[in-house]
């Protein structure tokens, strides 16, 4: 065959001495011994064989593409999307990333786009986990939510966060330091009043005697700066700000600096996801840390199980831990 001719799966199968089916499985790493998989993949590289995505989609009914949806102005969700993309690549899946922008209407448009693309599955950090728009995706599409369960789409996979534990740990930490008036910066909008973390914070603050002031804020540091400024500049300024993401906490740092306030001397600040910058800001941010590697691995595992068996496996729940750094101090 001429050097520049396009190699086919049959060429690889002939070189390996295997059937077309066995060769296809080995190339995807789904069946066969480790030695066979390694040998077939090496032969494919040597021959210059590349999978034709159109042919694969026609043959299997799948596109090999997984949609990833999140609010990408949030720094932690940016990192999560990158990690999910890398993990999908290891199982021969491509990613199509879309920004839901912490807005249910934007999330609906994202899902409409994924449906039009006929993605094989979706990994989502949902803005509105109770929204009916999750039914826009075909029933055959494997959907896994990360953080909160999709109550409007039964049969979805779920990698859940034990937000009650994390929220309680933060509020108890602030209570023990003497804080009794605390602002809660949340990315929730009036159109998504049912986000569990916000509701949990309100419920858990009351028994502690903590006066919790809920402040909606855009899910990015710039928007959070403006939202926090209004709270920190008030006559009854809270002694602490609890942010339901580190991106919001970074905005509080900026707002405090603009107002001539010092963290933590004038106001304590707590985040909620231990972004890589949390330990680098000054003072280092007290926050709630999650096992991101394990979360990503569990989400991809749930997705593959849904695609293979058509049934959602049991939800996986992750419990965080509080990382106390220099951004909180006692009021006493």
C-alpha atoms as a PDB file:
ATOM      1  CA  UNK A   1       0.000   0.000   0.000  1.00  0.00           C
ATOM      2  CA  UNK A   2       1.372   3.475  -0.819  1.00  0.00           C
ATOM      3  CA  UNK A   3       2.791   5.302   2.188  1.00  0.00           C
ATOM      4  CA  UNK A   4       0.249   8.134   1.975  1.00  0.00           C
ATOM      5  CA  UNK A   5      -2.823   5.887   1.640  1.00  0.00           C
ATOM      6  CA  UNK A   6      -5.299   6.002   4.514  1.00  0.00           C
ATOM      7  CA  UNK A   7      -4.953   3.012   6.766  1.00  0.00           C
ATOM      8  CA  UNK A   8      -8.081   1.130   7.752  1.00  0.00           C
ATOM      9  CA  UNK A   9      -9.104  -1.010  10.688  1.00  0.00           C
ATOM     10  CA  UNK A  10      -8.784  -4.019   8.376  1.00  0.00           C
ATOM     11  CA  UNK A  11      -5.103  -3.171   7.819  1.00  0.00           C
ATOM     12  CA  UNK A  12      -4.487  -3.219  11.565  1.00  0.00           C
ATOM     13  CA  UNK A  13      -6.474  -6.442  11.960  1.00  0.00           C
ATOM     14  CA  UNK A  14      -4.456  -8.125   9.171  1.00  0.00           C
ATOM     15  CA  UNK A  15      -1.177  -7.025  10.755  1.00  0.00           C
ATOM     16  CA  UNK A  16      -2.290  -8.257  14.176  1.00  0.00           C
ATOM     17  CA  UNK A  17      -3.796 -11.511  12.886  1.00  0.00           C
ATOM     18  CA  UNK A  18      -7.087 -10.749  14.641  1.00  0.00           C
ATOM     19  CA  UNK A  19     -10.713 -10.297  13.654  1.00  0.00           C
ATOM     20  CA  UNK A  20     -12.075  -6.815  13.044  1.00  0.00           C
ATOM     21  CA  UNK A  21     -14.111  -6.976  16.255  1.00  0.00           C
ATOM     22  CA  UNK A  22     -11.156  -8.112  18.384  1.00  0.00           C
ATOM     23  CA  UNK A  23      -8.982  -5.395  16.872  1.00  0.00           C
ATOM     24  CA  UNK A  24     -11.585  -2.728  17.536  1.00  0.00           C
ATOM     25  CA  UNK A  25     -11.938  -3.800  21.173  1.00  0.00           C
ATOM     26  CA  UNK A  26      -8.159  -3.834  21.641  1.00  0.00           C
ATOM     27  CA  UNK A  27      -7.764  -0.356  20.160  1.00  0.00           C
ATOM     28  CA  UNK A  28     -10.332   0.939  22.652  1.00  0.00           C
ATOM     29  CA  UNK A  29      -8.735  -1.037  25.475  1.00  0.00           C
ATOM     30  CA  UNK A  30     -12.060  -2.596  26.428  1.00  0.00           C
ATOM     31  CA  UNK A  31     -11.374  -6.292  25.777  1.00  0.00           C
ATOM     32  CA  UNK A  32      -8.412  -8.589  25.369  1.00  0.00           C
ATOM     33  CA  UNK A  33      -5.313  -9.247  27.418  1.00  0.00           C
ATOM     34  CA  UNK A  34      -3.028  -6.374  28.354  1.00  0.00           C
ATOM     35  CA  UNK A  35      -0.384  -7.791  26.003  1.00  0.00           C
ATOM     36  CA  UNK A  36      -2.846  -7.944  23.073  1.00  0.00           C
ATOM     37  CA  UNK A  37      -4.111  -4.431  23.695  1.00  0.00           C
ATOM     38  CA  UNK A  38      -0.564  -3.089  23.869  1.00  0.00           C
ATOM     39  CA  UNK A  39       0.481  -4.960  20.690  1.00  0.00           C
ATOM     40  CA  UNK A  40      -2.551  -3.845  18.650  1.00  0.00           C
ATOM     41  CA  UNK A  41      -2.223  -0.217  19.724  1.00  0.00           C
ATOM     42  CA  UNK A  42       1.476  -0.258  18.886  1.00  0.00           C
ATOM     43  CA  UNK A  43       0.715  -1.684  15.419  1.00  0.00           C
ATOM     44  CA  UNK A  44      -1.907   1.023  14.847  1.00  0.00           C
ATOM     45  CA  UNK A  45       0.646   3.709  15.714  1.00  0.00           C
ATOM     46  CA  UNK A  46       3.253   2.080  13.480  1.00  0.00           C
ATOM     47  CA  UNK A  47       0.848   1.920  10.546  1.00  0.00           C
ATOM     48  CA  UNK A  48      -0.417   5.458  11.131  1.00  0.00           C
ATOM     49  CA  UNK A  49      -4.003   4.299  11.671  1.00  0.00           C
ATOM     50  CA  UNK A  50      -6.381   6.912  13.037  1.00  0.00           C
ATOM     51  CA  UNK A  51     -10.012   6.369  14.046  1.00  0.00           C
ATOM     52  CA  UNK A  52     -12.487   8.052  11.714  1.00  0.00           C
ATOM     53  CA  UNK A  53     -14.978   9.664  14.147  1.00  0.00           C
ATOM     54  CA  UNK A  54     -17.758   9.733  11.549  1.00  0.00           C
ATOM     55  CA  UNK A  55     -17.298   6.069  10.745  1.00  0.00           C
ATOM     56  CA  UNK A  56     -17.201   5.229  14.438  1.00  0.00           C
ATOM     57  CA  UNK A  57     -20.433   7.127  15.070  1.00  0.00           C
ATOM     58  CA  UNK A  58     -22.194   5.445  12.133  1.00  0.00           C
ATOM     59  CA  UNK A  59     -21.029   2.001  13.187  1.00  0.00           C
ATOM     60  CA  UNK A  60     -21.761   2.285  16.897  1.00  0.00           C
ATOM     61  CA  UNK A  61     -24.506   4.883  17.040  1.00  0.00           C
ATOM     62  CA  UNK A  62     -22.243   6.909  19.334  1.00  0.00           C
ATOM     63  CA  UNK A  63     -20.286  10.081  18.719  1.00  0.00           C
ATOM     64  CA  UNK A  64     -17.645   9.479  21.376  1.00  0.00           C
ATOM     65  CA  UNK A  65     -18.336  12.977  22.725  1.00  0.00           C
ATOM     66  CA  UNK A  66     -19.251  13.806  26.310  1.00  0.00           C
ATOM     67  CA  UNK A  67     -20.694  17.201  27.212  1.00  0.00           C
ATOM     68  CA  UNK A  68     -19.276  18.949  30.271  1.00  0.00           C
ATOM     69  CA  UNK A  69     -21.415  21.688  31.787  1.00  0.00           C
ATOM     70  CA  UNK A  70     -20.455  24.043  34.590  1.00  0.00           C
ATOM     71  CA  UNK A  71     -20.230  27.692  35.567  1.00  0.00           C
ATOM     72  CA  UNK A  72     -16.806  28.430  34.152  1.00  0.00           C
ATOM     73  CA  UNK A  73     -16.271  31.830  35.702  1.00  0.00           C
ATOM     74  CA  UNK A  74     -15.953  29.918  38.968  1.00  0.00           C
ATOM     75  CA  UNK A  75     -12.270  29.001  39.268  1.00  0.00           C
ATOM     76  CA  UNK A  76     -12.839  25.606  40.902  1.00  0.00           C
ATOM     77  CA  UNK A  77     -15.308  24.550  38.217  1.00  0.00           C
ATOM     78  CA  UNK A  78     -12.805  25.613  35.562  1.00  0.00           C
ATOM     79  CA  UNK A  79     -10.239  23.258  37.073  1.00  0.00           C
ATOM     80  CA  UNK A  80     -12.822  20.490  37.431  1.00  0.00           C
ATOM     81  CA  UNK A  81     -13.725  20.757  33.732  1.00  0.00           C
ATOM     82  CA  UNK A  82     -10.061  20.412  32.767  1.00  0.00           C
ATOM     83  CA  UNK A  83      -9.637  17.363  34.994  1.00  0.00           C
ATOM     84  CA  UNK A  84     -12.780  15.747  33.605  1.00  0.00           C
ATOM     85  CA  UNK A  85     -11.552  16.346  30.046  1.00  0.00           C
ATOM     86  CA  UNK A  86      -8.245  14.664  30.815  1.00  0.00           C
ATOM     87  CA  UNK A  87      -9.951  11.719  32.508  1.00  0.00           C
ATOM     88  CA  UNK A  88     -12.299  11.241  29.537  1.00  0.00           C
ATOM     89  CA  UNK A  89      -9.336  11.218  27.184  1.00  0.00           C
ATOM     90  CA  UNK A  90      -7.923   8.176  28.988  1.00  0.00           C
ATOM     91  CA  UNK A  91     -11.093   6.221  28.155  1.00  0.00           C
ATOM     92  CA  UNK A  92     -11.198   7.307  24.499  1.00  0.00           C
ATOM     93  CA  UNK A  93     -13.862   9.988  24.902  1.00  0.00           C
ATOM     94  CA  UNK A  94     -13.799  13.570  23.641  1.00  0.00           C
ATOM     95  CA  UNK A  95     -15.162  16.489  25.643  1.00  0.00           C
ATOM     96  CA  UNK A  96     -17.390  19.361  24.600  1.00  0.00           C
ATOM     97  CA  UNK A  97     -17.246  21.999  27.363  1.00  0.00           C
ATOM     98  CA  UNK A  98     -19.996  24.593  27.755  1.00  0.00           C
ATOM     99  CA  UNK A  99     -20.496  27.435  30.225  1.00  0.00           C
ATOM    100  CA  UNK A 100     -23.804  27.457  32.127  1.00  0.00           C
ATOM    101  CA  UNK A 101     -22.705  30.752  33.738  1.00  0.00           C
ATOM    102  CA  UNK A 102     -24.598  30.126  37.011  1.00  0.00           C
ATOM    103  CA  UNK A 103     -27.830  30.865  35.152  1.00  0.00           C
ATOM    104  CA  UNK A 104     -30.681  28.358  34.590  1.00  0.00           C
ATOM    105  CA  UNK A 105     -31.563  29.895  31.213  1.00  0.00           C
ATOM    106  CA  UNK A 106     -27.955  29.494  30.055  1.00  0.00           C
ATOM    107  CA  UNK A 107     -27.927  25.942  31.385  1.00  0.00           C
ATOM    108  CA  UNK A 108     -31.040  25.175  29.339  1.00  0.00           C
ATOM    109  CA  UNK A 109     -29.320  26.470  26.174  1.00  0.00           C
ATOM    110  CA  UNK A 110     -26.300  24.312  26.954  1.00  0.00           C
ATOM    111  CA  UNK A 111     -28.469  21.210  27.208  1.00  0.00           C
ATOM    112  CA  UNK A 112     -30.248  22.100  23.954  1.00  0.00           C
ATOM    113  CA  UNK A 113     -26.853  22.357  22.278  1.00  0.00           C
ATOM    114  CA  UNK A 114     -25.742  19.004  23.701  1.00  0.00           C
ATOM    115  CA  UNK A 115     -28.964  17.397  22.479  1.00  0.00           C
ATOM    116  CA  UNK A 116     -28.397  18.806  18.980  1.00  0.00           C
ATOM    117  CA  UNK A 117     -24.826  17.493  19.018  1.00  0.00           C
ATOM    118  CA  UNK A 118     -26.122  14.063  20.052  1.00  0.00           C
ATOM    119  CA  UNK A 119     -23.496  13.730  22.733  1.00  0.00           C
ATOM    120  CA  UNK A 120     -23.206  10.271  24.268  1.00  0.00           C
ATOM    121  CA  UNK A 121     -23.283  11.596  27.800  1.00  0.00           C
ATOM    122  CA  UNK A 122     -23.126  14.648  30.032  1.00  0.00           C
ATOM    123  CA  UNK A 123     -21.082  15.399  33.144  1.00  0.00           C
ATOM    124  CA  UNK A 124     -22.598  18.435  34.832  1.00  0.00           C
ATOM    125  CA  UNK A 125     -22.167  20.644  37.869  1.00  0.00           C
ATOM    126  CA  UNK A 126     -25.821  21.733  37.771  1.00  0.00           C
ATOM    127  CA  UNK A 127     -26.963  25.307  38.251  1.00  0.00           C
ATOM    128  CA  UNK A 128     -30.573  24.272  38.834  1.00  0.00           C
ATOM    129  CA  UNK A 129     -30.614  20.578  39.781  1.00  0.00           C
ATOM    130  CA  UNK A 130     -34.418  20.598  40.039  1.00  0.00           C
ATOM    131  CA  UNK A 131     -34.991  22.196  36.619  1.00  0.00           C
ATOM    132  CA  UNK A 132     -37.230  20.473  34.096  1.00  0.00           C
ATOM    133  CA  UNK A 133     -34.729  21.331  31.345  1.00  0.00           C
ATOM    134  CA  UNK A 134     -32.717  18.240  32.282  1.00  0.00           C
ATOM    135  CA  UNK A 135     -35.412  16.245  30.479  1.00  0.00           C
ATOM    136  CA  UNK A 136     -34.355  17.864  27.177  1.00  0.00           C
ATOM    137  CA  UNK A 137     -31.628  15.244  26.866  1.00  0.00           C
ATOM    138  CA  UNK A 138     -32.695  11.976  25.282  1.00  0.00           C
ATOM    139  CA  UNK A 139     -33.385   9.180  27.755  1.00  0.00           C
ATOM    140  CA  UNK A 140     -30.548   7.172  26.192  1.00  0.00           C
ATOM    141  CA  UNK A 141     -28.010   9.889  27.042  1.00  0.00           C
ATOM    142  CA  UNK A 142     -25.955   9.010  30.108  1.00  0.00           C
ATOM    143  CA  UNK A 143     -26.075  11.935  32.536  1.00  0.00           C
ATOM    144  CA  UNK A 144     -24.027  12.268  35.724  1.00  0.00           C
ATOM    145  CA  UNK A 145     -24.442  15.237  38.045  1.00  0.00           C
ATOM    146  CA  UNK A 146     -21.595  16.431  40.247  1.00  0.00           C
ATOM    147  CA  UNK A 147     -22.475  18.107  43.531  1.00  0.00           C
ATOM    148  CA  UNK A 148     -26.285  17.867  43.626  1.00  0.00           C
ATOM    149  CA  UNK A 149     -28.681  15.156  42.398  1.00  0.00           C
ATOM    150  CA  UNK A 150     -30.928  15.901  39.410  1.00  0.00           C
ATOM    151  CA  UNK A 151     -34.351  15.501  40.982  1.00  0.00           C
ATOM    152  CA  UNK A 152     -36.125  16.138  37.665  1.00  0.00           C
ATOM    153  CA  UNK A 153     -34.228  13.400  35.807  1.00  0.00           C
ATOM    154  CA  UNK A 154     -34.556  10.011  37.518  1.00  0.00           C
ATOM    155  CA  UNK A 155     -32.014   7.444  36.423  1.00  0.00           C
ATOM    156  CA  UNK A 156     -29.101   9.855  36.271  1.00  0.00           C
ATOM    157  CA  UNK A 157     -25.804   9.083  37.914  1.00  0.00           C
ATOM    158  CA  UNK A 158     -24.772  11.262  40.840  1.00  0.00           C
ATOM    159  CA  UNK A 159     -21.531  12.177  42.553  1.00  0.00           C
ATOM    160  CA  UNK A 160     -22.780  14.026  45.604  1.00  0.00           C
ATOM    161  CA  UNK A 161     -21.126  16.363  48.069  1.00  0.00           C
ATOM    162  CA  UNK A 162     -21.859  16.096  51.781  1.00  0.00           C
ATOM    163  CA  UNK A 163     -22.616  19.800  51.931  1.00  0.00           C
ATOM    164  CA  UNK A 164     -24.286  19.492  55.332  1.00  0.00           C
ATOM    165  CA  UNK A 165     -21.010  18.332  56.867  1.00  0.00           C
ATOM    166  CA  UNK A 166     -18.998  21.066  55.126  1.00  0.00           C
ATOM    167  CA  UNK A 167     -21.416  23.893  55.931  1.00  0.00           C
ATOM    168  CA  UNK A 168     -21.709  22.760  59.550  1.00  0.00           C
ATOM    169  CA  UNK A 169     -17.926  22.637  59.909  1.00  0.00           C
ATOM    170  CA  UNK A 170     -17.600  26.235  58.710  1.00  0.00           C
ATOM    171  CA  UNK A 171     -20.406  27.628  60.865  1.00  0.00           C
ATOM    172  CA  UNK A 172     -19.154  25.813  63.961  1.00  0.00           C
ATOM    173  CA  UNK A 173     -15.635  27.114  63.326  1.00  0.00           C
ATOM    174  CA  UNK A 174     -16.885  30.693  63.074  1.00  0.00           C
ATOM    175  CA  UNK A 175     -19.161  30.249  66.097  1.00  0.00           C
ATOM    176  CA  UNK A 176     -16.270  28.919  68.175  1.00  0.00           C
ATOM    177  CA  UNK A 177     -14.272  32.028  67.217  1.00  0.00           C
ATOM    178  CA  UNK A 178     -17.070  34.221  68.555  1.00  0.00           C
ATOM    179  CA  UNK A 179     -18.696  35.330  65.297  1.00  0.00           C
ATOM    180  CA  UNK A 180     -22.444  35.923  65.688  1.00  0.00           C
ATOM    181  CA  UNK A 181     -23.238  37.999  62.582  1.00  0.00           C
ATOM    182  CA  UNK A 182     -22.084  36.286  59.385  1.00  0.00           C
ATOM    183  CA  UNK A 183     -22.736  37.133  55.733  1.00  0.00           C
ATOM    184  CA  UNK A 184     -23.297  34.185  53.390  1.00  0.00           C
ATOM    185  CA  UNK A 185     -22.206  34.906  49.820  1.00  0.00           C
ATOM    186  CA  UNK A 186     -23.940  32.449  47.516  1.00  0.00           C
ATOM    187  CA  UNK A 187     -23.987  32.042  43.717  1.00  0.00           C
ATOM    188  CA  UNK A 188     -27.677  31.145  43.892  1.00  0.00           C
ATOM    189  CA  UNK A 189     -30.057  33.389  41.972  1.00  0.00           C
ATOM    190  CA  UNK A 190     -33.730  34.165  42.680  1.00  0.00           C
ATOM    191  CA  UNK A 191     -34.569  31.640  39.961  1.00  0.00           C
ATOM    192  CA  UNK A 192     -32.726  28.857  41.825  1.00  0.00           C
ATOM    193  CA  UNK A 193     -33.824  29.234  45.432  1.00  0.00           C
ATOM    194  CA  UNK A 194     -33.475  25.560  46.235  1.00  0.00           C
ATOM    195  CA  UNK A 195     -29.715  25.082  46.131  1.00  0.00           C
ATOM    196  CA  UNK A 196     -28.997  22.769  49.080  1.00  0.00           C
ATOM    197  CA  UNK A 197     -25.889  24.495  50.480  1.00  0.00           C
ATOM    198  CA  UNK A 198     -27.658  27.812  50.944  1.00  0.00           C
ATOM    199  CA  UNK A 199     -30.685  26.193  52.589  1.00  0.00           C
ATOM    200  CA  UNK A 200     -28.449  24.105  54.826  1.00  0.00           C
ATOM    201  CA  UNK A 201     -26.519  27.171  55.966  1.00  0.00           C
ATOM    202  CA  UNK A 202     -29.717  28.964  56.968  1.00  0.00           C
ATOM    203  CA  UNK A 203     -31.010  25.908  58.852  1.00  0.00           C
ATOM    204  CA  UNK A 204     -27.717  25.218  60.632  1.00  0.00           C
ATOM    205  CA  UNK A 205     -26.970  28.811  61.625  1.00  0.00           C
ATOM    206  CA  UNK A 206     -30.122  29.325  63.699  1.00  0.00           C
ATOM    207  CA  UNK A 207     -29.428  26.701  66.414  1.00  0.00           C
ATOM    208  CA  UNK A 208     -25.924  28.137  66.837  1.00  0.00           C
ATOM    209  CA  UNK A 209     -27.288  31.604  67.437  1.00  0.00           C
ATOM    210  CA  UNK A 210     -25.579  32.920  64.314  1.00  0.00           C
ATOM    211  CA  UNK A 211     -27.359  35.736  62.474  1.00  0.00           C
ATOM    212  CA  UNK A 212     -26.844  34.741  58.829  1.00  0.00           C
ATOM    213  CA  UNK A 213     -27.250  37.430  56.157  1.00  0.00           C
ATOM    214  CA  UNK A 214     -27.733  35.786  52.733  1.00  0.00           C
ATOM    215  CA  UNK A 215     -26.188  37.771  49.873  1.00  0.00           C
ATOM    216  CA  UNK A 216     -26.607  36.492  46.266  1.00  0.00           C
ATOM    217  CA  UNK A 217     -23.522  37.150  44.141  1.00  0.00           C
ATOM    218  CA  UNK A 218     -22.331  36.400  40.593  1.00  0.00           C
ATOM    219  CA  UNK A 219     -20.182  33.266  40.507  1.00  0.00           C
ATOM    220  CA  UNK A 220     -16.898  35.067  39.823  1.00  0.00           C
ATOM    221  CA  UNK A 221     -14.449  37.231  41.787  1.00  0.00           C
ATOM    222  CA  UNK A 222     -15.370  40.472  39.978  1.00  0.00           C
ATOM    223  CA  UNK A 223     -19.083  40.149  40.636  1.00  0.00           C
ATOM    224  CA  UNK A 224     -18.469  39.002  44.198  1.00  0.00           C
ATOM    225  CA  UNK A 225     -16.388  42.119  44.848  1.00  0.00           C
ATOM    226  CA  UNK A 226     -19.364  44.378  44.183  1.00  0.00           C
ATOM    227  CA  UNK A 227     -21.760  42.197  46.193  1.00  0.00           C
ATOM    228  CA  UNK A 228     -19.400  42.008  49.162  1.00  0.00           C
ATOM    229  CA  UNK A 229     -18.715  45.753  49.116  1.00  0.00           C
ATOM    230  CA  UNK A 230     -22.351  46.497  49.878  1.00  0.00           C
ATOM    231  CA  UNK A 231     -22.280  44.217  52.925  1.00  0.00           C
ATOM    232  CA  UNK A 232     -18.883  45.283  54.257  1.00  0.00           C
ATOM    233  CA  UNK A 233     -19.672  48.964  53.921  1.00  0.00           C
ATOM    234  CA  UNK A 234     -22.871  48.719  55.985  1.00  0.00           C
ATOM    235  CA  UNK A 235     -23.167  50.143  59.480  1.00  0.00           C
ATOM    236  CA  UNK A 236     -23.967  46.688  60.883  1.00  0.00           C
ATOM    237  CA  UNK A 237     -21.084  45.031  59.057  1.00  0.00           C
ATOM    238  CA  UNK A 238     -20.773  41.287  59.764  1.00  0.00           C
ATOM    239  CA  UNK A 239     -17.626  40.085  61.493  1.00  0.00           C
ATOM    240  CA  UNK A 240     -17.231  37.191  59.040  1.00  0.00           C
ATOM    241  CA  UNK A 241     -18.154  36.285  55.458  1.00  0.00           C
ATOM    242  CA  UNK A 242     -18.796  32.660  54.527  1.00  0.00           C
ATOM    243  CA  UNK A 243     -18.527  32.160  50.747  1.00  0.00           C
ATOM    244  CA  UNK A 244     -19.972  29.125  48.985  1.00  0.00           C
ATOM    245  CA  UNK A 245     -17.000  29.107  46.605  1.00  0.00           C
ATOM    246  CA  UNK A 246     -13.414  30.299  46.796  1.00  0.00           C
ATOM    247  CA  UNK A 247     -14.015  32.505  43.752  1.00  0.00           C
ATOM    248  CA  UNK A 248     -16.489  34.483  45.849  1.00  0.00           C
ATOM    249  CA  UNK A 249     -14.003  34.628  48.723  1.00  0.00           C
ATOM    250  CA  UNK A 250     -11.345  36.171  46.495  1.00  0.00           C
ATOM    251  CA  UNK A 251     -13.871  38.872  45.622  1.00  0.00           C
ATOM    252  CA  UNK A 252     -14.385  39.553  49.342  1.00  0.00           C
ATOM    253  CA  UNK A 253     -10.634  40.025  49.755  1.00  0.00           C
ATOM    254  CA  UNK A 254     -10.700  42.678  47.046  1.00  0.00           C
ATOM    255  CA  UNK A 255     -13.769  44.416  48.466  1.00  0.00           C
ATOM    256  CA  UNK A 256     -12.219  44.518  51.928  1.00  0.00           C
ATOM    257  CA  UNK A 257      -8.986  46.007  50.577  1.00  0.00           C
ATOM    258  CA  UNK A 258     -10.905  48.645  48.623  1.00  0.00           C
ATOM    259  CA  UNK A 259     -12.682  49.672  51.834  1.00  0.00           C
ATOM    260  CA  UNK A 260      -9.486  49.749  53.888  1.00  0.00           C
ATOM    261  CA  UNK A 261     -10.475  46.648  55.882  1.00  0.00           C
ATOM    262  CA  UNK A 262      -8.006  43.944  56.841  1.00  0.00           C
ATOM    263  CA  UNK A 263      -8.537  40.185  56.644  1.00  0.00           C
ATOM    264  CA  UNK A 264      -8.886  38.731  59.283  1.00  0.00           C
ATOM    265  CA  UNK A 265      -8.417  41.653  61.713  1.00  0.00           C
ATOM    266  CA  UNK A 266     -11.560  43.480  60.565  1.00  0.00           C
ATOM    267  CA  UNK A 267     -13.431  40.639  58.878  1.00  0.00           C
ATOM    268  CA  UNK A 268     -12.876  36.880  58.727  1.00  0.00           C
ATOM    269  CA  UNK A 269     -13.380  35.105  55.391  1.00  0.00           C
ATOM    270  CA  UNK A 270     -14.078  31.430  54.622  1.00  0.00           C
ATOM    271  CA  UNK A 271     -14.328  29.731  51.220  1.00  0.00           C
ATOM    272  CA  UNK A 272     -15.771  26.373  50.173  1.00  0.00           C
ATOM    273  CA  UNK A 273     -13.678  24.421  47.667  1.00  0.00           C
ATOM    274  CA  UNK A 274      -9.937  24.851  48.357  1.00  0.00           C
ATOM    275  CA  UNK A 275      -8.927  26.093  44.914  1.00  0.00           C
ATOM    276  CA  UNK A 276      -5.192  25.974  44.283  1.00  0.00           C
ATOM    277  CA  UNK A 277      -4.986  29.749  44.834  1.00  0.00           C
ATOM    278  CA  UNK A 278      -6.477  29.476  48.344  1.00  0.00           C
ATOM    279  CA  UNK A 279      -3.096  28.772  49.907  1.00  0.00           C
ATOM    280  CA  UNK A 280      -1.366  31.475  47.853  1.00  0.00           C
ATOM    281  CA  UNK A 281      -3.448  34.568  48.676  1.00  0.00           C
ATOM    282  CA  UNK A 282      -2.489  36.651  51.699  1.00  0.00           C
ATOM    283  CA  UNK A 283      -3.619  35.739  54.239  1.00  0.00           C
ATOM    284  CA  UNK A 284      -4.122  32.143  53.110  1.00  0.00           C
ATOM    285  CA  UNK A 285      -7.812  31.291  52.853  1.00  0.00           C
ATOM    286  CA  UNK A 286      -9.622  29.101  55.365  1.00  0.00           C
ATOM    287  CA  UNK A 287     -11.821  26.865  53.240  1.00  0.00           C
ATOM    288  CA  UNK A 288     -13.471  23.496  52.749  1.00  0.00           C
ATOM    289  CA  UNK A 289     -11.439  20.970  50.762  1.00  0.00           C
ATOM    290  CA  UNK A 290     -12.741  18.199  48.495  1.00  0.00           C
ATOM    291  CA  UNK A 291     -10.870  15.218  47.000  1.00  0.00           C
ATOM    292  CA  UNK A 292     -10.989  16.395  43.374  1.00  0.00           C
ATOM    293  CA  UNK A 293      -9.119  13.416  41.914  1.00  0.00           C
ATOM    294  CA  UNK A 294     -11.530  10.971  43.531  1.00  0.00           C
ATOM    295  CA  UNK A 295     -14.558  13.050  42.483  1.00  0.00           C
ATOM    296  CA  UNK A 296     -13.424  13.061  38.838  1.00  0.00           C
ATOM    297  CA  UNK A 297     -12.693   9.331  38.869  1.00  0.00           C
ATOM    298  CA  UNK A 298     -16.105   8.559  40.382  1.00  0.00           C
ATOM    299  CA  UNK A 299     -17.938  10.750  37.857  1.00  0.00           C
ATOM    300  CA  UNK A 300     -16.273   9.069  34.871  1.00  0.00           C
ATOM    301  CA  UNK A 301     -16.842   5.630  36.394  1.00  0.00           C
ATOM    302  CA  UNK A 302     -20.558   6.408  36.810  1.00  0.00           C
ATOM    303  CA  UNK A 303     -20.753   7.640  33.215  1.00  0.00           C
ATOM    304  CA  UNK A 304     -19.144   4.480  31.819  1.00  0.00           C
ATOM    305  CA  UNK A 305     -21.393   2.274  33.957  1.00  0.00           C
ATOM    306  CA  UNK A 306     -24.482   4.074  32.625  1.00  0.00           C
ATOM    307  CA  UNK A 307     -23.292   3.679  29.038  1.00  0.00           C
ATOM    308  CA  UNK A 308     -22.444   0.018  29.517  1.00  0.00           C
ATOM    309  CA  UNK A 309     -25.475  -1.144  31.519  1.00  0.00           C
ATOM    310  CA  UNK A 310     -28.117   1.555  30.961  1.00  0.00           C
ATOM    311  CA  UNK A 311     -28.832   1.780  34.676  1.00  0.00           C
ATOM    312  CA  UNK A 312     -27.534   4.341  37.138  1.00  0.00           C
ATOM    313  CA  UNK A 313     -25.218   2.952  39.798  1.00  0.00           C
ATOM    314  CA  UNK A 314     -25.699   3.975  43.402  1.00  0.00           C
ATOM    315  CA  UNK A 315     -24.750   7.609  44.093  1.00  0.00           C
ATOM    316  CA  UNK A 316     -21.299   8.262  45.498  1.00  0.00           C
ATOM    317  CA  UNK A 317     -21.032  10.840  48.288  1.00  0.00           C
ATOM    318  CA  UNK A 318     -17.885  12.734  49.231  1.00  0.00           C
ATOM    319  CA  UNK A 319     -17.297  14.340  52.623  1.00  0.00           C
ATOM    320  CA  UNK A 320     -14.982  17.376  52.767  1.00  0.00           C
ATOM    321  CA  UNK A 321     -12.726  18.627  55.516  1.00  0.00           C
ATOM    322  CA  UNK A 322     -12.138  22.126  56.847  1.00  0.00           C
ATOM    323  CA  UNK A 323      -8.696  23.596  56.193  1.00  0.00           C
ATOM    324  CA  UNK A 324      -8.048  26.377  58.724  1.00  0.00           C
ATOM    325  CA  UNK A 325      -5.618  29.008  57.502  1.00  0.00           C
ATOM    326  CA  UNK A 326      -4.957  32.655  58.238  1.00  0.00           C
ATOM    327  CA  UNK A 327      -8.173  34.297  57.027  1.00  0.00           C
ATOM    328  CA  UNK A 328     -10.163  33.634  60.223  1.00  0.00           C
ATOM    329  CA  UNK A 329      -9.548  34.818  63.765  1.00  0.00           C
ATOM    330  CA  UNK A 330     -11.303  35.103  67.112  1.00  0.00           C
ATOM    331  CA  UNK A 331     -13.456  38.128  67.880  1.00  0.00           C
ATOM    332  CA  UNK A 332     -12.492  37.932  71.539  1.00  0.00           C
END
